[in-house]
Amino acid sequence: MKWSELFTSSVGKKFVMGLTGVFLILFLIVHVGLNACIWAMDGGQMFNLAANFMGSTVVMRILEIGLFATIILHIVQAYVLELQNRRKRSIGYQVPMGNKGSKWYSRYMGWLGTLILFFLIVHIRNFWVPSRWLEMPEVTYPPGVTVHDLFGLMKDTFTNIWLVLLYLLGCVSLAFHLMHGFQSAFRSLGVYNNRYIHLINGIGIGFSIIVPLAFAMMPISMYLNWVQ
């Protein structure tokens, strides 16, 4: 396959979708692991120090740029493929297949992705923008390490019940998006062996439940003051 065909051919676009999808899955693992530090019950020290490390080191900042590029590429390719599929299905089936043909969430990946995009914009505005571009309260830990108080920002943000509900909607959308997207990403990369497909499907279901559930518990924990 030529380099240009990655962005022009149907197979190439699906390959890019799979590659970017796997990268974003790895990002979710790192992100949920870092955010889980809020449950350390140490006043946010572990979380703030971990967040400072992720936001201040050169390697992590370079990876951050790559992350944004990956997200944009994944979104663009997803919408292009969705438009192509809609054109192919313009005639449609005479008898609706429903869940016999595919699961409902696999047919609404575009809508789920759009909900996640909206949630992502709100999330970036709430946390990434203040930590990078705005003045933020700081906190100092021994031996004199001063960092942004993102833990305090989270607690303040999630006093708003409407934002908590929005985050929960984003997590539900992410869960169903991953239900199809996890195994689809590996299929797009050429993993067709039945043995590995069953394993990936099983891991994907677990991942699609555990990771979004962990993310959902974070605003809930903040709102209900379960973390201190």
C-alpha atoms as a PDB file:
ATOM      1  CA  MET A   1       0.000   0.000   0.000  1.00  0.00           C
ATOM      2  CA  LYS A   2       1.322   3.424  -0.950  1.00  0.00           C
ATOM      3  CA  TRP A   3       1.651   6.133   1.706  1.00  0.00           C
ATOM      4  CA  SER A   4      -1.021   8.274   0.037  1.00  0.00           C
ATOM      5  CA  GLU A   5      -3.486   5.369   0.059  1.00  0.00           C
ATOM      6  CA  LEU A   6      -3.575   5.468   3.868  1.00  0.00           C
ATOM      7  CA  PHE A   7      -5.722   8.589   3.534  1.00  0.00           C
ATOM      8  CA  THR A   8      -7.496   7.954   0.223  1.00  0.00           C
ATOM      9  CA  SER A   9      -8.382   4.259  -0.028  1.00  0.00           C
ATOM     10  CA  SER A  10     -11.083   2.607   2.067  1.00  0.00           C
ATOM     11  CA  VAL A  11      -8.640  -0.002   3.398  1.00  0.00           C
ATOM     12  CA  GLY A  12      -6.083   2.680   4.220  1.00  0.00           C
ATOM     13  CA  LYS A  13      -8.620   4.797   6.107  1.00  0.00           C
ATOM     14  CA  LYS A  14      -9.735   1.801   8.154  1.00  0.00           C
ATOM     15  CA  PHE A  15      -6.103   0.991   8.927  1.00  0.00           C
ATOM     16  CA  VAL A  16      -5.530   4.571  10.148  1.00  0.00           C
ATOM     17  CA  MET A  17      -8.721   4.339  12.213  1.00  0.00           C
ATOM     18  CA  GLY A  18      -7.468   1.103  13.783  1.00  0.00           C
ATOM     19  CA  LEU A  19      -3.987   2.473  14.480  1.00  0.00           C
ATOM     20  CA  THR A  20      -5.263   5.700  16.019  1.00  0.00           C
ATOM     21  CA  GLY A  21      -7.894   3.711  17.919  1.00  0.00           C
ATOM     22  CA  VAL A  22      -5.249   1.493  19.557  1.00  0.00           C
ATOM     23  CA  PHE A  23      -3.201   4.593  20.462  1.00  0.00           C
ATOM     24  CA  LEU A  24      -6.257   6.177  22.091  1.00  0.00           C
ATOM     25  CA  ILE A  25      -6.976   2.943  23.988  1.00  0.00           C
ATOM     26  CA  LEU A  26      -3.429   3.083  25.398  1.00  0.00           C
ATOM     27  CA  PHE A  27      -4.007   6.735  26.316  1.00  0.00           C
ATOM     28  CA  LEU A  28      -7.198   5.804  28.186  1.00  0.00           C
ATOM     29  CA  ILE A  29      -5.239   3.252  30.226  1.00  0.00           C
ATOM     30  CA  VAL A  30      -2.675   5.882  31.239  1.00  0.00           C
ATOM     31  CA  HIS A  31      -5.318   8.541  31.843  1.00  0.00           C
ATOM     32  CA  VAL A  32      -7.565   6.380  34.027  1.00  0.00           C
ATOM     33  CA  GLY A  33      -4.534   5.162  35.981  1.00  0.00           C
ATOM     34  CA  LEU A  34      -3.359   8.712  36.660  1.00  0.00           C
ATOM     35  CA  ASN A  35      -6.826   9.965  37.590  1.00  0.00           C
ATOM     36  CA  ALA A  36      -7.321   7.010  39.929  1.00  0.00           C
ATOM     37  CA  CYS A  37      -4.736   8.691  42.173  1.00  0.00           C
ATOM     38  CA  ILE A  38      -7.561  10.886  43.479  1.00  0.00           C
ATOM     39  CA  TRP A  39      -8.586   7.904  45.634  1.00  0.00           C
ATOM     40  CA  ALA A  40      -5.249   7.850  47.463  1.00  0.00           C
ATOM     41  CA  MET A  41      -6.928   9.829  50.295  1.00  0.00           C
ATOM     42  CA  ASP A  42      -3.880  12.081  50.749  1.00  0.00           C
ATOM     43  CA  GLY A  43      -5.491  15.433  49.987  1.00  0.00           C
ATOM     44  CA  GLY A  44      -4.695  15.105  46.292  1.00  0.00           C
ATOM     45  CA  GLN A  45      -0.909  14.977  46.683  1.00  0.00           C
ATOM     46  CA  MET A  46      -0.302  11.852  44.604  1.00  0.00           C
ATOM     47  CA  PHE A  47      -2.680  13.035  41.886  1.00  0.00           C
ATOM     48  CA  ASN A  48      -1.234  16.555  41.707  1.00  0.00           C
ATOM     49  CA  LEU A  49       2.363  15.294  41.575  1.00  0.00           C
ATOM     50  CA  ALA A  50       1.495  12.727  38.889  1.00  0.00           C
ATOM     51  CA  ALA A  51      -0.378  15.342  36.850  1.00  0.00           C
ATOM     52  CA  ASN A  52       2.563  17.732  37.190  1.00  0.00           C
ATOM     53  CA  PHE A  53       4.932  15.050  35.897  1.00  0.00           C
ATOM     54  CA  MET A  54       2.672  14.373  32.913  1.00  0.00           C
ATOM     55  CA  GLY A  55       2.380  18.054  32.088  1.00  0.00           C
ATOM     56  CA  SER A  56       5.907  19.324  32.697  1.00  0.00           C
ATOM     57  CA  THR A  57       8.367  16.819  31.220  1.00  0.00           C
ATOM     58  CA  VAL A  58       9.501  17.319  27.622  1.00  0.00           C
ATOM     59  CA  VAL A  59       8.713  13.753  26.514  1.00  0.00           C
ATOM     60  CA  MET A  60       5.176  13.974  27.873  1.00  0.00           C
ATOM     61  CA  ARG A  61       4.582  17.329  26.200  1.00  0.00           C
ATOM     62  CA  ILE A  62       5.691  15.858  22.865  1.00  0.00           C
ATOM     63  CA  LEU A  63       3.353  12.890  23.414  1.00  0.00           C
ATOM     64  CA  GLU A  64       0.600  15.378  24.229  1.00  0.00           C
ATOM     65  CA  ILE A  65       1.021  16.978  20.795  1.00  0.00           C
ATOM     66  CA  GLY A  66       0.898  13.505  19.257  1.00  0.00           C
ATOM     67  CA  LEU A  67      -2.252  12.762  21.234  1.00  0.00           C
ATOM     68  CA  PHE A  68      -4.081  15.816  19.898  1.00  0.00           C
ATOM     69  CA  ALA A  69      -2.938  14.982  16.356  1.00  0.00           C
ATOM     70  CA  THR A  70      -4.175  11.404  16.804  1.00  0.00           C
ATOM     71  CA  ILE A  71      -7.558  12.549  18.120  1.00  0.00           C
ATOM     72  CA  ILE A  72      -8.040  14.943  15.195  1.00  0.00           C
ATOM     73  CA  LEU A  73      -7.000  12.294  12.655  1.00  0.00           C
ATOM     74  CA  HIS A  74      -9.282   9.709  14.258  1.00  0.00           C
ATOM     75  CA  ILE A  75     -12.243  12.094  14.175  1.00  0.00           C
ATOM     76  CA  VAL A  76     -11.663  13.199  10.570  1.00  0.00           C
ATOM     77  CA  GLN A  77     -11.239   9.646   9.300  1.00  0.00           C
ATOM     78  CA  ALA A  78     -14.306   8.510  11.250  1.00  0.00           C
ATOM     79  CA  TYR A  79     -16.543  11.143   9.674  1.00  0.00           C
ATOM     80  CA  VAL A  80     -15.149  10.456   6.201  1.00  0.00           C
ATOM     81  CA  LEU A  81     -15.811   6.720   6.571  1.00  0.00           C
ATOM     82  CA  GLU A  82     -19.281   7.432   7.989  1.00  0.00           C
ATOM     83  CA  LEU A  83     -20.158   9.569   4.957  1.00  0.00           C
ATOM     84  CA  GLN A  84     -18.863   6.894   2.593  1.00  0.00           C
ATOM     85  CA  ASN A  85     -20.877   4.192   4.356  1.00  0.00           C
ATOM     86  CA  ARG A  86     -24.023   6.334   4.249  1.00  0.00           C
ATOM     87  CA  ARG A  87     -23.644   6.760   0.487  1.00  0.00           C
ATOM     88  CA  LYS A  88     -23.264   2.993   0.075  1.00  0.00           C
ATOM     89  CA  ARG A  89     -26.361   2.402   2.214  1.00  0.00           C
ATOM     90  CA  SER A  90     -28.429   5.049   0.425  1.00  0.00           C
ATOM     91  CA  ILE A  91     -30.753   2.381  -1.001  1.00  0.00           C
ATOM     92  CA  GLY A  92     -31.032   0.548   2.307  1.00  0.00           C
ATOM     93  CA  TYR A  93     -32.449  -2.848   3.183  1.00  0.00           C
ATOM     94  CA  GLN A  94     -36.016  -3.770   2.266  1.00  0.00           C
ATOM     95  CA  VAL A  95     -36.348  -5.558   5.621  1.00  0.00           C
ATOM     96  CA  PRO A  96     -34.648  -3.872   8.609  1.00  0.00           C
ATOM     97  CA  MET A  97     -32.069  -6.239  10.086  1.00  0.00           C
ATOM     98  CA  GLY A  98     -31.954  -4.632  13.547  1.00  0.00           C
ATOM     99  CA  ASN A  99     -29.609  -6.344  16.011  1.00  0.00           C
ATOM    100  CA  LYS A 100     -29.579  -9.496  13.848  1.00  0.00           C
ATOM    101  CA  GLY A 101     -27.227  -7.740  11.434  1.00  0.00           C
ATOM    102  CA  SER A 102     -25.224  -5.770  13.985  1.00  0.00           C
ATOM    103  CA  LYS A 103     -25.467  -4.348  17.475  1.00  0.00           C
ATOM    104  CA  TRP A 104     -27.195  -0.979  17.733  1.00  0.00           C
ATOM    105  CA  TYR A 105     -24.074   0.741  19.065  1.00  0.00           C
ATOM    106  CA  SER A 106     -22.050  -0.382  16.043  1.00  0.00           C
ATOM    107  CA  ARG A 107     -24.642   1.278  13.790  1.00  0.00           C
ATOM    108  CA  TYR A 108     -24.532   4.510  15.794  1.00  0.00           C
ATOM    109  CA  MET A 109     -20.778   4.885  16.184  1.00  0.00           C
ATOM    110  CA  GLY A 110     -20.982   8.284  14.475  1.00  0.00           C
ATOM    111  CA  TRP A 111     -23.507   9.597  16.989  1.00  0.00           C
ATOM    112  CA  LEU A 112     -21.611   8.115  19.927  1.00  0.00           C
ATOM    113  CA  GLY A 113     -18.394   9.640  18.613  1.00  0.00           C
ATOM    114  CA  THR A 114     -20.096  13.033  18.284  1.00  0.00           C
ATOM    115  CA  LEU A 115     -21.274  12.873  21.914  1.00  0.00           C
ATOM    116  CA  ILE A 116     -17.739  11.964  22.990  1.00  0.00           C
ATOM    117  CA  LEU A 117     -16.346  14.874  20.941  1.00  0.00           C
ATOM    118  CA  PHE A 118     -18.717  17.308  22.661  1.00  0.00           C
ATOM    119  CA  PHE A 119     -17.745  15.880  26.050  1.00  0.00           C
ATOM    120  CA  LEU A 120     -14.050  16.112  25.119  1.00  0.00           C
ATOM    121  CA  ILE A 121     -14.374  19.811  24.246  1.00  0.00           C
ATOM    122  CA  VAL A 122     -15.979  20.496  27.638  1.00  0.00           C
ATOM    123  CA  HIS A 123     -13.327  18.391  29.402  1.00  0.00           C
ATOM    124  CA  ILE A 124     -10.462  20.236  27.687  1.00  0.00           C
ATOM    125  CA  ARG A 125     -12.048  23.573  28.597  1.00  0.00           C
ATOM    126  CA  ASN A 126     -12.500  22.544  32.227  1.00  0.00           C
ATOM    127  CA  PHE A 127      -9.048  21.100  32.891  1.00  0.00           C
ATOM    128  CA  TRP A 128      -6.473  21.283  30.092  1.00  0.00           C
ATOM    129  CA  VAL A 129      -6.980  24.970  29.265  1.00  0.00           C
ATOM    130  CA  PRO A 130      -6.699  26.183  32.881  1.00  0.00           C
ATOM    131  CA  SER A 131      -3.621  24.029  33.544  1.00  0.00           C
ATOM    132  CA  ARG A 132      -1.843  25.242  30.400  1.00  0.00           C
ATOM    133  CA  TRP A 133      -3.015  28.783  29.741  1.00  0.00           C
ATOM    134  CA  LEU A 134      -4.733  30.267  32.804  1.00  0.00           C
ATOM    135  CA  GLU A 135      -3.675  31.210  36.314  1.00  0.00           C
ATOM    136  CA  MET A 136      -4.263  28.353  38.709  1.00  0.00           C
ATOM    137  CA  PRO A 137      -3.971  27.925  42.482  1.00  0.00           C
ATOM    138  CA  GLU A 138      -0.793  26.110  43.436  1.00  0.00           C
ATOM    139  CA  VAL A 139       0.145  23.834  46.303  1.00  0.00           C
ATOM    140  CA  THR A 140       3.582  22.974  47.698  1.00  0.00           C
ATOM    141  CA  TYR A 141       4.636  19.494  48.841  1.00  0.00           C
ATOM    142  CA  PRO A 142       7.858  18.370  50.582  1.00  0.00           C
ATOM    143  CA  PRO A 143      10.654  18.920  49.748  1.00  0.00           C
ATOM    144  CA  GLY A 144       9.385  22.227  48.332  1.00  0.00           C
ATOM    145  CA  VAL A 145       7.772  21.026  45.082  1.00  0.00           C
ATOM    146  CA  THR A 146       5.152  23.526  43.864  1.00  0.00           C
ATOM    147  CA  VAL A 147       2.532  22.287  41.403  1.00  0.00           C
ATOM    148  CA  HIS A 148      -0.898  23.256  40.076  1.00  0.00           C
ATOM    149  CA  ASP A 149      -3.726  22.181  42.358  1.00  0.00           C
ATOM    150  CA  LEU A 150      -5.678  20.156  39.790  1.00  0.00           C
ATOM    151  CA  PHE A 151      -7.201  18.112  42.598  1.00  0.00           C
ATOM    152  CA  GLY A 152      -8.781  21.280  43.976  1.00  0.00           C
ATOM    153  CA  LEU A 153      -9.942  22.220  40.473  1.00  0.00           C
ATOM    154  CA  MET A 154     -11.633  18.818  40.127  1.00  0.00           C
ATOM    155  CA  LYS A 155     -13.405  19.229  43.453  1.00  0.00           C
ATOM    156  CA  ASP A 156     -14.634  22.703  42.502  1.00  0.00           C
ATOM    157  CA  THR A 157     -15.713  21.596  39.016  1.00  0.00           C
ATOM    158  CA  PHE A 158     -17.728  18.638  40.224  1.00  0.00           C
ATOM    159  CA  THR A 159     -19.810  20.596  42.699  1.00  0.00           C
ATOM    160  CA  ASN A 160     -21.976  21.345  39.640  1.00  0.00           C
ATOM    161  CA  ILE A 161     -24.499  18.520  39.268  1.00  0.00           C
ATOM    162  CA  TRP A 162     -25.098  19.347  35.594  1.00  0.00           C
ATOM    163  CA  LEU A 163     -21.414  18.902  34.805  1.00  0.00           C
ATOM    164  CA  VAL A 164     -21.414  15.631  36.726  1.00  0.00           C
ATOM    165  CA  LEU A 165     -24.371  14.408  34.657  1.00  0.00           C
ATOM    166  CA  LEU A 166     -22.655  15.551  31.445  1.00  0.00           C
ATOM    167  CA  TYR A 167     -19.535  13.580  32.393  1.00  0.00           C
ATOM    168  CA  LEU A 168     -21.657  10.527  33.136  1.00  0.00           C
ATOM    169  CA  LEU A 169     -23.269  10.820  29.691  1.00  0.00           C
ATOM    170  CA  GLY A 170     -19.790  11.067  28.171  1.00  0.00           C
ATOM    171  CA  CYS A 171     -18.698   7.933  30.027  1.00  0.00           C
ATOM    172  CA  VAL A 172     -21.773   5.968  28.885  1.00  0.00           C
ATOM    173  CA  SER A 173     -21.122   7.088  25.285  1.00  0.00           C
ATOM    174  CA  LEU A 174     -17.478   6.043  25.647  1.00  0.00           C
ATOM    175  CA  ALA A 175     -18.482   2.615  26.966  1.00  0.00           C
ATOM    176  CA  PHE A 176     -20.700   1.806  23.975  1.00  0.00           C
ATOM    177  CA  HIS A 177     -18.196   3.358  21.560  1.00  0.00           C
ATOM    178  CA  LEU A 178     -15.516   1.041  22.929  1.00  0.00           C
ATOM    179  CA  MET A 179     -17.829  -1.996  22.808  1.00  0.00           C
ATOM    180  CA  HIS A 180     -17.531  -1.889  19.036  1.00  0.00           C
ATOM    181  CA  GLY A 181     -14.394   0.207  18.561  1.00  0.00           C
ATOM    182  CA  PHE A 182     -12.029  -1.938  20.658  1.00  0.00           C
ATOM    183  CA  GLN A 183     -12.324  -5.125  18.611  1.00  0.00           C
ATOM    184  CA  SER A 184     -12.850  -3.162  15.390  1.00  0.00           C
ATOM    185  CA  ALA A 185      -9.484  -1.414  15.846  1.00  0.00           C
ATOM    186  CA  PHE A 186      -7.627  -4.729  15.962  1.00  0.00           C
ATOM    187  CA  ARG A 187      -9.596  -6.129  13.023  1.00  0.00           C
ATOM    188  CA  SER A 188      -8.627  -3.058  10.989  1.00  0.00           C
ATOM    189  CA  LEU A 189      -4.983  -3.827  11.794  1.00  0.00           C
ATOM    190  CA  GLY A 190      -5.344  -7.338  10.370  1.00  0.00           C
ATOM    191  CA  VAL A 191      -6.077  -9.463  13.458  1.00  0.00           C
ATOM    192  CA  TYR A 192      -8.470 -12.083  12.058  1.00  0.00           C
ATOM    193  CA  ASN A 193      -7.314 -15.285  13.776  1.00  0.00           C
ATOM    194  CA  ASN A 194     -10.329 -16.767  15.581  1.00  0.00           C
ATOM    195  CA  ARG A 195      -8.286 -17.578  18.680  1.00  0.00           C
ATOM    196  CA  TYR A 196      -7.057 -14.014  19.087  1.00  0.00           C
ATOM    197  CA  ILE A 197     -10.359 -12.428  18.041  1.00  0.00           C
ATOM    198  CA  HIS A 198     -12.215 -14.215  20.846  1.00  0.00           C
ATOM    199  CA  LEU A 199      -9.532 -13.114  23.305  1.00  0.00           C
ATOM    200  CA  ILE A 200      -9.629  -9.516  22.060  1.00  0.00           C
ATOM    201  CA  ASN A 201     -13.439  -9.476  22.180  1.00  0.00           C
ATOM    202  CA  GLY A 202     -13.358 -10.656  25.786  1.00  0.00           C
ATOM    203  CA  ILE A 203     -10.730  -8.103  26.789  1.00  0.00           C
ATOM    204  CA  GLY A 204     -12.633  -5.425  24.871  1.00  0.00           C
ATOM    205  CA  ILE A 205     -15.881  -6.062  26.745  1.00  0.00           C
ATOM    206  CA  GLY A 206     -14.079  -5.898  30.086  1.00  0.00           C
ATOM    207  CA  PHE A 207     -12.191  -2.758  29.058  1.00  0.00           C
ATOM    208  CA  SER A 208     -15.383  -1.122  27.773  1.00  0.00           C
ATOM    209  CA  ILE A 209     -17.033  -1.616  31.157  1.00  0.00           C
ATOM    210  CA  ILE A 210     -14.195  -1.101  33.656  1.00  0.00           C
ATOM    211  CA  VAL A 211     -12.511   1.999  32.194  1.00  0.00           C
ATOM    212  CA  PRO A 212     -15.654   4.118  31.575  1.00  0.00           C
ATOM    213  CA  LEU A 213     -17.031   3.003  34.960  1.00  0.00           C
ATOM    214  CA  ALA A 214     -13.810   4.153  36.665  1.00  0.00           C
ATOM    215  CA  PHE A 215     -14.016   7.492  34.855  1.00  0.00           C
ATOM    216  CA  ALA A 216     -17.681   7.847  35.839  1.00  0.00           C
ATOM    217  CA  MET A 217     -16.926   7.197  39.517  1.00  0.00           C
ATOM    218  CA  MET A 218     -14.496  10.132  39.612  1.00  0.00           C
ATOM    219  CA  PRO A 219     -17.032  12.992  39.300  1.00  0.00           C
ATOM    220  CA  ILE A 220     -19.458  11.009  41.454  1.00  0.00           C
ATOM    221  CA  SER A 221     -16.810  10.606  44.163  1.00  0.00           C
ATOM    222  CA  MET A 222     -16.009  14.328  44.025  1.00  0.00           C
ATOM    223  CA  TYR A 223     -19.655  15.400  44.098  1.00  0.00           C
ATOM    224  CA  LEU A 224     -20.496  13.135  47.048  1.00  0.00           C
ATOM    225  CA  ASN A 225     -17.266  14.048  48.901  1.00  0.00           C
ATOM    226  CA  TRP A 226     -16.033  10.469  48.949  1.00  0.00           C
ATOM    227  CA  VAL A 227     -12.456  11.706  48.398  1.00  0.00           C
ATOM    228  CA  GLN A 228     -10.580  14.111  50.627  1.00  0.00           C
END
